[in-house]
């Protein structure tokens, strides 16, 4: 799941919106991420939003996708355990 989400949101959507500026591009990706995690409730939504902002800023600065994918996979495993 981490591979799909980060590839789509961070690897495809964010670069497609980068012409509109960092705040807009990161904001839209966080909004989309948040919308399909609403089932997790308010606390889950807040953590998803914060994770999305951090990952968006990291990608914006480094353009490195794989660390974000692995961070997402790690977060999923930790939440599962």
PDB file of N, CA and C in Angstrom:
ATOM      1  N   UNK A   1       0.811  -1.179   0.000  1.00  0.00           N
ATOM      2  CA  UNK A   1       0.000   0.000   0.000  1.00  0.00           C
ATOM      3  C   UNK A   1       0.865   1.257   0.000  1.00  0.00           C
ATOM      4  N   UNK A   2       1.935   1.229   0.766  1.00  0.00           N
ATOM      5  CA  UNK A   2       2.842   2.379   0.802  1.00  0.00           C
ATOM      6  C   UNK A   2       3.450   2.667  -0.557  1.00  0.00           C
ATOM      7  N   UNK A   3       3.760   1.620  -1.296  1.00  0.00           N
ATOM      8  CA  UNK A   3       4.328   1.807  -2.629  1.00  0.00           C
ATOM      9  C   UNK A   3       3.323   2.493  -3.545  1.00  0.00           C
ATOM     10  N   UNK A   4       2.083   2.013  -3.548  1.00  0.00           N
ATOM     11  CA  UNK A   4       1.064   2.608  -4.409  1.00  0.00           C
ATOM     12  C   UNK A   4       0.788   4.057  -4.014  1.00  0.00           C
ATOM     13  N   UNK A   5       0.505   4.288  -2.739  1.00  0.00           N
ATOM     14  CA  UNK A   5       0.133   5.632  -2.309  1.00  0.00           C
ATOM     15  C   UNK A   5       1.230   6.646  -2.590  1.00  0.00           C
ATOM     16  N   UNK A   6       2.437   6.325  -2.236  1.00  0.00           N
ATOM     17  CA  UNK A   6       3.524   7.293  -2.416  1.00  0.00           C
ATOM     18  C   UNK A   6       3.886   7.475  -3.885  1.00  0.00           C
ATOM     19  N   UNK A   7       3.793   6.399  -4.664  1.00  0.00           N
ATOM     20  CA  UNK A   7       4.068   6.543  -6.096  1.00  0.00           C
ATOM     21  C   UNK A   7       3.047   7.467  -6.734  1.00  0.00           C
ATOM     22  N   UNK A   8       1.768   7.274  -6.395  1.00  0.00           N
ATOM     23  CA  UNK A   8       0.726   8.105  -6.983  1.00  0.00           C
ATOM     24  C   UNK A   8       0.762   9.527  -6.425  1.00  0.00           C
ATOM     25  N   UNK A   9       0.703   9.658  -5.103  1.00  0.00           N
ATOM     26  CA  UNK A   9       0.584  10.990  -4.502  1.00  0.00           C
ATOM     27  C   UNK A   9       1.863  11.808  -4.621  1.00  0.00           C
ATOM     28  N   UNK A  10       2.976  11.206  -4.259  1.00  0.00           N
ATOM     29  CA  UNK A  10       4.222  11.954  -4.207  1.00  0.00           C
ATOM     30  C   UNK A  10       4.989  11.895  -5.514  1.00  0.00           C
ATOM     31  N   UNK A  11       4.941  10.771  -6.188  1.00  0.00           N
ATOM     32  CA  UNK A  11       5.725  10.624  -7.412  1.00  0.00           C
ATOM     33  C   UNK A  11       5.034  11.126  -8.665  1.00  0.00           C
ATOM     34  N   UNK A  12       3.691  11.165  -8.666  1.00  0.00           N
ATOM     35  CA  UNK A  12       2.947  11.578  -9.858  1.00  0.00           C
ATOM     36  C   UNK A  12       2.195  12.891  -9.622  1.00  0.00           C
ATOM     37  N   UNK A  13       1.345  12.918  -8.591  1.00  0.00           N
ATOM     38  CA  UNK A  13       0.483  14.081  -8.377  1.00  0.00           C
ATOM     39  C   UNK A  13       1.271  15.330  -7.966  1.00  0.00           C
ATOM     40  N   UNK A  14       2.175  15.189  -7.025  1.00  0.00           N
ATOM     41  CA  UNK A  14       2.930  16.358  -6.563  1.00  0.00           C
ATOM     42  C   UNK A  14       3.734  16.996  -7.689  1.00  0.00           C
ATOM     43  N   UNK A  15       4.509  16.242  -8.468  1.00  0.00           N
ATOM     44  CA  UNK A  15       5.225  16.879  -9.582  1.00  0.00           C
ATOM     45  C   UNK A  15       4.297  17.483 -10.632  1.00  0.00           C
ATOM     46  N   UNK A  16       3.117  16.890 -10.822  1.00  0.00           N
ATOM     47  CA  UNK A  16       2.180  17.439 -11.798  1.00  0.00           C
ATOM     48  C   UNK A  16       1.662  18.804 -11.364  1.00  0.00           C
ATOM     49  N   UNK A  17       1.633  19.048 -10.064  1.00  0.00           N
ATOM     50  CA  UNK A  17       1.117  20.310  -9.531  1.00  0.00           C
ATOM     51  C   UNK A  17       2.207  21.303  -9.137  1.00  0.00           C
ATOM     52  N   UNK A  18       3.465  20.936  -9.328  1.00  0.00           N
ATOM     53  CA  UNK A  18       4.546  21.780  -8.833  1.00  0.00           C
ATOM     54  C   UNK A  18       4.604  23.158  -9.492  1.00  0.00           C
ATOM     55  N   UNK A  19       4.032  23.317 -10.665  1.00  0.00           N
ATOM     56  CA  UNK A  19       4.002  24.616 -11.316  1.00  0.00           C
ATOM     57  C   UNK A  19       3.159  25.633 -10.557  1.00  0.00           C
ATOM     58  N   UNK A  20       2.277  25.140  -9.695  1.00  0.00           N
ATOM     59  CA  UNK A  20       1.427  26.021  -8.890  1.00  0.00           C
ATOM     60  C   UNK A  20       2.069  26.407  -7.567  1.00  0.00           C
ATOM     61  N   UNK A  21       3.249  25.912  -7.305  1.00  0.00           N
ATOM     62  CA  UNK A  21       3.955  26.238  -6.069  1.00  0.00           C
ATOM     63  C   UNK A  21       3.944  25.103  -5.071  1.00  0.00           C
ATOM     64  N   UNK A  22       4.889  25.164  -4.149  1.00  0.00           N
ATOM     65  CA  UNK A  22       5.062  24.090  -3.170  1.00  0.00           C
ATOM     66  C   UNK A  22       3.858  23.947  -2.256  1.00  0.00           C
ATOM     67  N   UNK A  23       3.356  25.043  -1.731  1.00  0.00           N
ATOM     68  CA  UNK A  23       2.234  24.970  -0.786  1.00  0.00           C
ATOM     69  C   UNK A  23       1.007  24.338  -1.423  1.00  0.00           C
ATOM     70  N   UNK A  24       0.684  24.746  -2.632  1.00  0.00           N
ATOM     71  CA  UNK A  24      -0.482  24.190  -3.319  1.00  0.00           C
ATOM     72  C   UNK A  24      -0.271  22.717  -3.627  1.00  0.00           C
ATOM     73  N   UNK A  25       0.873  22.364  -4.187  1.00  0.00           N
ATOM     74  CA  UNK A  25       1.135  20.976  -4.578  1.00  0.00           C
ATOM     75  C   UNK A  25       1.118  20.051  -3.364  1.00  0.00           C
ATOM     76  N   UNK A  26       1.786  20.447  -2.308  1.00  0.00           N
ATOM     77  CA  UNK A  26       1.806  19.620  -1.099  1.00  0.00           C
ATOM     78  C   UNK A  26       0.426  19.590  -0.463  1.00  0.00           C
ATOM     79  N   UNK A  27      -0.261  20.728  -0.455  1.00  0.00           N
ATOM     80  CA  UNK A  27      -1.601  20.793   0.125  1.00  0.00           C
ATOM     81  C   UNK A  27      -2.589  19.883  -0.572  1.00  0.00           C
ATOM     82  N   UNK A  28      -2.571  19.845  -1.897  1.00  0.00           N
ATOM     83  CA  UNK A  28      -3.491  18.976  -2.634  1.00  0.00           C
ATOM     84  C   UNK A  28      -3.173  17.511  -2.360  1.00  0.00           C
ATOM     85  N   UNK A  29      -1.899  17.160  -2.329  1.00  0.00           N
ATOM     86  CA  UNK A  29      -1.560  15.760  -2.055  1.00  0.00           C
ATOM     87  C   UNK A  29      -1.962  15.364  -0.639  1.00  0.00           C
ATOM     88  N   UNK A  30      -1.812  16.279   0.318  1.00  0.00           N
ATOM     89  CA  UNK A  30      -2.245  15.988   1.690  1.00  0.00           C
ATOM     90  C   UNK A  30      -3.766  15.845   1.740  1.00  0.00           C
ATOM     91  N   UNK A  31      -4.478  16.685   1.025  1.00  0.00           N
ATOM     92  CA  UNK A  31      -5.940  16.598   0.996  1.00  0.00           C
ATOM     93  C   UNK A  31      -6.411  15.266   0.415  1.00  0.00           C
ATOM     94  N   UNK A  32      -5.832  14.847  -0.689  1.00  0.00           N
ATOM     95  CA  UNK A  32      -6.216  13.569  -1.299  1.00  0.00           C
ATOM     96  C   UNK A  32      -5.886  12.421  -0.345  1.00  0.00           C
ATOM     97  N   UNK A  33      -4.710  12.474   0.247  1.00  0.00           N
ATOM     98  CA  UNK A  33      -4.286  11.440   1.204  1.00  0.00           C
ATOM     99  C   UNK A  33      -5.268  11.379   2.378  1.00  0.00           C
ATOM    100  N   UNK A  34      -5.652  12.550   2.850  1.00  0.00           N
ATOM    101  CA  UNK A  34      -6.562  12.640   3.988  1.00  0.00           C
ATOM    102  C   UNK A  34      -7.946  12.087   3.644  1.00  0.00           C
ATOM    103  N   UNK A  35      -8.427  12.369   2.448  1.00  0.00           N
ATOM    104  CA  UNK A  35      -9.761  11.931   2.056  1.00  0.00           C
ATOM    105  C   UNK A  35      -9.905  10.413   2.048  1.00  0.00           C
ATOM    106  N   UNK A  36      -8.868   9.693   1.633  1.00  0.00           N
ATOM    107  CA  UNK A  36      -9.062   8.243   1.648  1.00  0.00           C
ATOM    108  C   UNK A  36      -8.526   7.584   2.916  1.00  0.00           C
ATOM    109  N   UNK A  37      -8.256   8.404   3.947  1.00  0.00           N
ATOM    110  CA  UNK A  37      -7.951   7.860   5.268  1.00  0.00           C
ATOM    111  C   UNK A  37      -8.937   8.364   6.322  1.00  0.00           C
ATOM    112  N   UNK A  38     -10.047   8.963   5.905  1.00  0.00           N
ATOM    113  CA  UNK A  38     -11.017   9.486   6.867  1.00  0.00           C
ATOM    114  C   UNK A  38     -11.628   8.401   7.742  1.00  0.00           C
ATOM    115  N   UNK A  39     -11.638   7.176   7.262  1.00  0.00           N
ATOM    116  CA  UNK A  39     -12.194   6.075   8.044  1.00  0.00           C
ATOM    117  C   UNK A  39     -11.424   5.851   9.345  1.00  0.00           C
ATOM    118  N   UNK A  40     -10.222   6.415   9.456  1.00  0.00           N
ATOM    119  CA  UNK A  40      -9.399   6.231  10.653  1.00  0.00           C
ATOM    120  C   UNK A  40      -9.797   7.162  11.793  1.00  0.00           C
ATOM    121  N   UNK A  41     -10.756   8.041  11.545  1.00  0.00           N
ATOM    122  CA  UNK A  41     -11.213   8.940  12.595  1.00  0.00           C
ATOM    123  C   UNK A  41     -10.349  10.191  12.707  1.00  0.00           C
ATOM    124  N   UNK A  42     -10.694  11.070  13.650  1.00  0.00           N
ATOM    125  CA  UNK A  42      -9.993  12.352  13.761  1.00  0.00           C
ATOM    126  C   UNK A  42      -8.507  12.225  14.094  1.00  0.00           C
ATOM    127  N   UNK A  43      -8.169  11.346  15.010  1.00  0.00           N
ATOM    128  CA  UNK A  43      -6.752  11.193  15.388  1.00  0.00           C
ATOM    129  C   UNK A  43      -5.962  10.598  14.222  1.00  0.00           C
ATOM    130  N   UNK A  44      -6.538   9.617  13.568  1.00  0.00           N
ATOM    131  CA  UNK A  44      -5.881   9.029  12.396  1.00  0.00           C
ATOM    132  C   UNK A  44      -5.731  10.036  11.278  1.00  0.00           C
ATOM    133  N   UNK A  45      -6.768  10.849  11.073  1.00  0.00           N
ATOM    134  CA  UNK A  45      -6.709  11.865  10.025  1.00  0.00           C
ATOM    135  C   UNK A  45      -5.616  12.881  10.311  1.00  0.00           C
ATOM    136  N   UNK A  46      -5.485  13.276  11.568  1.00  0.00           N
ATOM    137  CA  UNK A  46      -4.432  14.227  11.931  1.00  0.00           C
ATOM    138  C   UNK A  46      -3.047  13.636  11.693  1.00  0.00           C
ATOM    139  N   UNK A  47      -2.860  12.380  12.079  1.00  0.00           N
ATOM    140  CA  UNK A  47      -1.544  11.759  11.878  1.00  0.00           C
ATOM    141  C   UNK A  47      -1.245  11.569  10.396  1.00  0.00           C
ATOM    142  N   UNK A  48      -2.257  11.233   9.608  1.00  0.00           N
ATOM    143  CA  UNK A  48      -2.078  11.095   8.161  1.00  0.00           C
ATOM    144  C   UNK A  48      -1.719  12.435   7.534  1.00  0.00           C
ATOM    145  N   UNK A  49      -2.390  13.499   7.971  1.00  0.00           N
ATOM    146  CA  UNK A  49      -2.101  14.832   7.445  1.00  0.00           C
ATOM    147  C   UNK A  49      -0.677  15.255   7.782  1.00  0.00           C
ATOM    148  N   UNK A  50      -0.265  15.038   9.016  1.00  0.00           N
ATOM    149  CA  UNK A  50       1.107  15.405   9.406  1.00  0.00           C
ATOM    150  C   UNK A  50       2.138  14.588   8.635  1.00  0.00           C
ATOM    151  N   UNK A  51       1.878  13.300   8.498  1.00  0.00           N
ATOM    152  CA  UNK A  51       2.777  12.440   7.731  1.00  0.00           C
ATOM    153  C   UNK A  51       2.878  12.931   6.290  1.00  0.00           C
ATOM    154  N   UNK A  52       1.738  13.297   5.707  1.00  0.00           N
ATOM    155  CA  UNK A  52       1.721  13.786   4.331  1.00  0.00           C
ATOM    156  C   UNK A  52       2.487  15.080   4.154  1.00  0.00           C
ATOM    157  N   UNK A  53       2.365  15.989   5.110  1.00  0.00           N
ATOM    158  CA  UNK A  53       3.110  17.250   5.037  1.00  0.00           C
ATOM    159  C   UNK A  53       4.609  16.989   5.119  1.00  0.00           C
ATOM    160  N   UNK A  54       5.016  16.163   6.066  1.00  0.00           N
ATOM    161  CA  UNK A  54       6.446  15.860   6.223  1.00  0.00           C
ATOM    162  C   UNK A  54       6.996  15.183   4.967  1.00  0.00           C
ATOM    163  N   UNK A  55       6.262  14.192   4.444  1.00  0.00           N
ATOM    164  CA  UNK A  55       6.729  13.494   3.249  1.00  0.00           C
ATOM    165  C   UNK A  55       6.728  14.418   2.031  1.00  0.00           C
ATOM    166  N   UNK A  56       5.738  15.287   1.929  1.00  0.00           N
ATOM    167  CA  UNK A  56       5.692  16.233   0.818  1.00  0.00           C
ATOM    168  C   UNK A  56       6.861  17.205   0.837  1.00  0.00           C
ATOM    169  N   UNK A  57       7.161  17.736   2.011  1.00  0.00           N
ATOM    170  CA  UNK A  57       8.298  18.661   2.138  1.00  0.00           C
ATOM    171  C   UNK A  57       9.600  17.935   1.843  1.00  0.00           C
ATOM    172  N   UNK A  58       9.738  16.723   2.370  1.00  0.00           N
ATOM    173  CA  UNK A  58      10.960  15.952   2.109  1.00  0.00           C
ATOM    174  C   UNK A  58      11.146  15.734   0.606  1.00  0.00           C
ATOM    175  N   UNK A  59      10.065  15.318  -0.063  1.00  0.00           N
ATOM    176  CA  UNK A  59      10.175  15.075  -1.503  1.00  0.00           C
ATOM    177  C   UNK A  59      10.456  16.370  -2.264  1.00  0.00           C
ATOM    178  N   UNK A  60       9.807  17.448  -1.869  1.00  0.00           N
ATOM    179  CA  UNK A  60      10.001  18.733  -2.551  1.00  0.00           C
ATOM    180  C   UNK A  60      11.476  19.146  -2.503  1.00  0.00           C
ATOM    181  N   UNK A  61      12.119  18.889  -1.380  1.00  0.00           N
ATOM    182  CA  UNK A  61      13.521  19.305  -1.206  1.00  0.00           C
ATOM    183  C   UNK A  61      14.519  18.336  -1.825  1.00  0.00           C
ATOM    184  N   UNK A  62      14.217  17.034  -1.781  1.00  0.00           N
ATOM    185  CA  UNK A  62      15.213  16.052  -2.204  1.00  0.00           C
ATOM    186  C   UNK A  62      14.906  15.374  -3.532  1.00  0.00           C
ATOM    187  N   UNK A  63      13.635  15.316  -3.901  1.00  0.00           N
ATOM    188  CA  UNK A  63      13.159  14.575  -5.082  1.00  0.00           C
ATOM    189  C   UNK A  63      13.496  13.092  -4.992  1.00  0.00           C
ATOM    190  N   UNK A  64      13.616  12.592  -3.772  1.00  0.00           N
ATOM    191  CA  UNK A  64      13.896  11.177  -3.529  1.00  0.00           C
ATOM    192  C   UNK A  64      12.605  10.476  -3.111  1.00  0.00           C
ATOM    193  N   UNK A  65      12.124   9.558  -3.933  1.00  0.00           N
ATOM    194  CA  UNK A  65      10.855   8.886  -3.666  1.00  0.00           C
ATOM    195  C   UNK A  65      11.005   7.647  -2.786  1.00  0.00           C
ATOM    196  N   UNK A  66      12.064   6.881  -2.981  1.00  0.00           N
ATOM    197  CA  UNK A  66      12.186   5.613  -2.264  1.00  0.00           C
ATOM    198  C   UNK A  66      12.254   5.762  -0.750  1.00  0.00           C
ATOM    199  N   UNK A  67      12.937   6.743  -0.193  1.00  0.00           N
ATOM    200  CA  UNK A  67      12.892   6.882   1.274  1.00  0.00           C
ATOM    201  C   UNK A  67      11.474   7.104   1.798  1.00  0.00           C
ATOM    202  N   UNK A  68      10.656   7.803   1.018  1.00  0.00           N
ATOM    203  CA  UNK A  68       9.273   8.049   1.418  1.00  0.00           C
ATOM    204  C   UNK A  68       8.470   6.751   1.354  1.00  0.00           C
ATOM    205  N   UNK A  69       8.683   5.974   0.316  1.00  0.00           N
ATOM    206  CA  UNK A  69       7.991   4.687   0.188  1.00  0.00           C
ATOM    207  C   UNK A  69       8.334   3.793   1.371  1.00  0.00           C
ATOM    208  N   UNK A  70       9.618   3.694   1.702  1.00  0.00           N
ATOM    209  CA  UNK A  70      10.025   2.838   2.816  1.00  0.00           C
ATOM    210  C   UNK A  70       9.533   3.377   4.153  1.00  0.00           C
ATOM    211  N   UNK A  71       9.486   4.698   4.321  1.00  0.00           N
ATOM    212  CA  UNK A  71       8.952   5.277   5.552  1.00  0.00           C
ATOM    213  C   UNK A  71       7.478   4.935   5.700  1.00  0.00           C
ATOM    214  N   UNK A  72       6.736   4.980   4.616  1.00  0.00           N
ATOM    215  CA  UNK A  72       5.314   4.634   4.647  1.00  0.00           C
ATOM    216  C   UNK A  72       5.135   3.155   4.980  1.00  0.00           C
ATOM    217  N   UNK A  73       5.931   2.306   4.352  1.00  0.00           N
ATOM    218  CA  UNK A  73       5.837   0.877   4.643  1.00  0.00           C
ATOM    219  C   UNK A  73       6.167   0.606   6.112  1.00  0.00           C
ATOM    220  N   UNK A  74       7.191   1.267   6.627  1.00  0.00           N
ATOM    221  CA  UNK A  74       7.580   1.103   8.025  1.00  0.00           C
ATOM    222  C   UNK A  74       6.450   1.559   8.950  1.00  0.00           C
ATOM    223  N   UNK A  75       5.834   2.704   8.650  1.00  0.00           N
ATOM    224  CA  UNK A  75       4.734   3.215   9.465  1.00  0.00           C
ATOM    225  C   UNK A  75       3.555   2.248   9.450  1.00  0.00           C
ATOM    226  N   UNK A  76       3.288   1.635   8.301  1.00  0.00           N
ATOM    227  CA  UNK A  76       2.201   0.654   8.223  1.00  0.00           C
ATOM    228  C   UNK A  76       2.498  -0.576   9.080  1.00  0.00           C
ATOM    229  N   UNK A  77       3.729  -1.039   9.033  1.00  0.00           N
ATOM    230  CA  UNK A  77       4.112  -2.219   9.818  1.00  0.00           C
ATOM    231  C   UNK A  77       4.027  -1.913  11.309  1.00  0.00           C
ATOM    232  N   UNK A  78       4.512  -0.760  11.713  1.00  0.00           N
ATOM    233  CA  UNK A  78       4.457  -0.369  13.129  1.00  0.00           C
ATOM    234  C   UNK A  78       3.001  -0.264  13.595  1.00  0.00           C
ATOM    235  N   UNK A  79       2.148   0.323  12.792  1.00  0.00           N
ATOM    236  CA  UNK A  79       0.729   0.441  13.153  1.00  0.00           C
ATOM    237  C   UNK A  79       0.076  -0.931  13.247  1.00  0.00           C
ATOM    238  N   UNK A  80       0.482  -1.853  12.385  1.00  0.00           N
ATOM    239  CA  UNK A  80      -0.085  -3.199  12.403  1.00  0.00           C
ATOM    240  C   UNK A  80       0.327  -3.961  13.659  1.00  0.00           C
ATOM    241  N   UNK A  81       1.572  -3.778  14.053  1.00  0.00           N
ATOM    242  CA  UNK A  81       2.091  -4.488  15.236  1.00  0.00           C
ATOM    243  C   UNK A  81       1.458  -3.909  16.489  1.00  0.00           C
TER     244      UNK A  81
END
